[in-house]
Amino acid sequence: ELQQKVEETELLKMELQMLETERVRLSLVEEKFMDVLQLLQQLRDLNISKRALGKILLSTLESCRDAQNGKAHLSEVLNTLHHELTACELFQSQPLGQAQDRQALANPLLISC
């Protein structure tokens, strides 16, 4: 009976560790998602055309098309979209102060879970 309790404890520890890992992964995805939303908001404020925004989105989806489905795919799409948005020409033509604000939003942390 003691051995069974030890095994159950080990299983619970492993499950807790898996849950903590998933929580961290979701936290990183949430951060990247918020960065992407902020960039989209800034582009809207800069009056980006729907066509240009559509091209960015299609480019992102095209570059991630062959990737596997699931959690890794979501992270890859968010990272690629973030990169595409930060590379947008409208941000490149901003005055220095606004460009620095944009760089502060750019999260260099890549999600790899």
Protein backbone atom coordinates (compact mmCIF):
# COMPACT_ATOMS: atom_id res chain seq x y z
CA GLU A 1 0.00 0.00 0.00
CA LEU A 2 2.89 2.34 0.76
CA GLN A 3 4.42 1.57 -2.64
CA GLN A 4 1.09 2.38 -4.30
CA LYS A 5 0.94 5.74 -2.51
CA VAL A 6 4.50 6.54 -3.63
CA GLU A 7 3.58 5.72 -7.24
CA GLU A 8 0.44 7.87 -7.05
CA THR A 9 2.50 10.72 -5.62
CA GLU A 10 5.00 10.42 -8.48
CA LEU A 11 2.18 10.42 -11.03
CA LEU A 12 0.66 13.51 -9.44
CA LYS A 13 4.05 15.25 -9.47
CA MET A 14 4.47 14.46 -13.18
CA GLU A 15 0.96 15.70 -13.92
CA LEU A 16 1.59 18.89 -11.97
CA GLN A 17 4.82 19.44 -13.89
CA MET A 18 3.00 18.93 -17.20
CA LEU A 19 0.32 21.41 -16.15
CA GLU A 20 2.93 23.97 -15.16
CA THR A 21 4.67 23.53 -18.53
CA GLU A 22 1.37 24.05 -20.34
CA ARG A 23 0.62 27.13 -18.24
CA VAL A 24 3.97 28.66 -19.18
CA ARG A 25 3.42 27.82 -22.86
CA LEU A 26 -0.02 29.44 -22.80
CA SER A 27 1.39 32.48 -21.05
CA LEU A 28 4.01 32.89 -23.80
CA VAL A 29 1.37 32.48 -26.51
CA GLU A 30 -0.79 35.08 -24.77
CA GLU A 31 2.12 37.55 -24.65
CA LYS A 32 2.86 37.10 -28.35
CA PHE A 33 -0.82 37.41 -29.18
CA MET A 34 -1.04 40.67 -27.24
CA ASP A 35 2.05 41.99 -29.05
CA VAL A 36 0.43 41.13 -32.40
CA LEU A 37 -2.81 42.85 -31.39
CA GLN A 38 -0.92 45.98 -30.34
CA LEU A 39 0.90 46.06 -33.67
CA LEU A 40 -2.40 45.67 -35.53
CA GLN A 41 -3.86 48.53 -33.49
CA GLN A 42 -0.87 50.72 -34.35
CA LEU A 43 -1.21 49.88 -38.03
CA ARG A 44 -4.90 50.77 -37.91
CA ASP A 45 -3.95 54.10 -36.33
CA LEU A 46 -1.50 54.61 -39.21
CA ASN A 47 -4.35 53.99 -41.67
CA ILE A 48 -2.92 50.86 -43.27
CA SER A 49 -5.00 49.75 -46.21
CA LYS A 50 -7.06 46.59 -45.97
CA ARG A 51 -5.23 45.32 -49.02
CA ALA A 52 -1.80 45.80 -47.40
CA LEU A 53 -2.98 44.17 -44.19
CA GLY A 54 -4.45 41.30 -46.19
CA LYS A 55 -1.14 40.81 -47.97
CA ILE A 56 0.68 40.63 -44.62
CA LEU A 57 -1.78 38.05 -43.34
CA LEU A 58 -1.67 35.97 -46.52
CA SER A 59 2.11 36.10 -46.54
CA THR A 60 2.15 34.85 -42.97
CA LEU A 61 -0.25 32.02 -43.69
CA GLU A 62 1.63 31.06 -46.85
CA SER A 63 4.96 30.85 -45.05
CA CYS A 64 3.41 28.66 -42.34
CA ARG A 65 1.34 26.47 -44.65
CA ASP A 66 3.55 23.40 -44.63
CA ALA A 67 4.06 23.34 -40.87
CA GLN A 68 2.44 20.73 -38.67
CA ASN A 69 -0.91 21.38 -37.06
CA GLY A 70 -1.47 22.02 -33.39
CA LYS A 71 0.28 23.97 -30.67
CA ALA A 72 3.60 24.38 -32.47
CA HIS A 73 1.79 25.61 -35.57
CA LEU A 74 -0.06 28.27 -33.60
CA SER A 75 3.19 29.52 -32.10
CA GLU A 76 4.85 29.58 -35.51
CA VAL A 77 1.98 31.53 -37.06
CA LEU A 78 2.01 34.09 -34.23
CA ASN A 79 5.78 34.49 -34.44
CA THR A 80 5.68 34.86 -38.22
CA LEU A 81 2.79 37.33 -38.10
CA HIS A 82 4.60 39.34 -35.44
CA HIS A 83 7.71 39.43 -37.63
CA GLU A 84 5.71 40.43 -40.73
CA LEU A 85 3.93 43.21 -38.84
CA THR A 86 7.12 44.64 -37.35
CA ALA A 87 8.67 44.64 -40.81
CA CYS A 88 5.75 46.67 -42.22
CA GLU A 89 6.88 49.70 -44.24
CA LEU A 90 4.55 52.01 -42.31
CA PHE A 91 6.58 51.34 -39.17
CA GLN A 92 9.83 51.92 -41.05
CA SER A 93 8.71 55.40 -42.14
CA GLN A 94 7.65 56.54 -38.64
CA PRO A 95 9.49 59.30 -36.76
CA LEU A 96 12.18 58.06 -34.39
CA GLY A 97 10.09 58.31 -31.21
CA GLN A 98 7.28 56.17 -32.55
CA ALA A 99 9.73 53.64 -33.98
CA GLN A 100 11.26 53.26 -30.52
CA ASP A 101 7.80 52.64 -29.06
CA ARG A 102 7.28 49.92 -31.65
CA GLN A 103 10.60 48.32 -30.80
CA ALA A 104 9.65 48.29 -27.13
CA LEU A 105 6.60 46.22 -28.07
CA ALA A 106 8.59 43.73 -30.10
CA ASN A 107 9.14 40.70 -27.94
CA PRO A 108 12.37 38.98 -28.99
CA LEU A 109 11.32 35.84 -27.16
CA LEU A 110 10.47 33.10 -29.61
CA ILE A 111 7.93 30.59 -28.49
CA SER A 112 9.23 27.06 -28.82
CA CYS A 113 7.22 24.60 -26.83
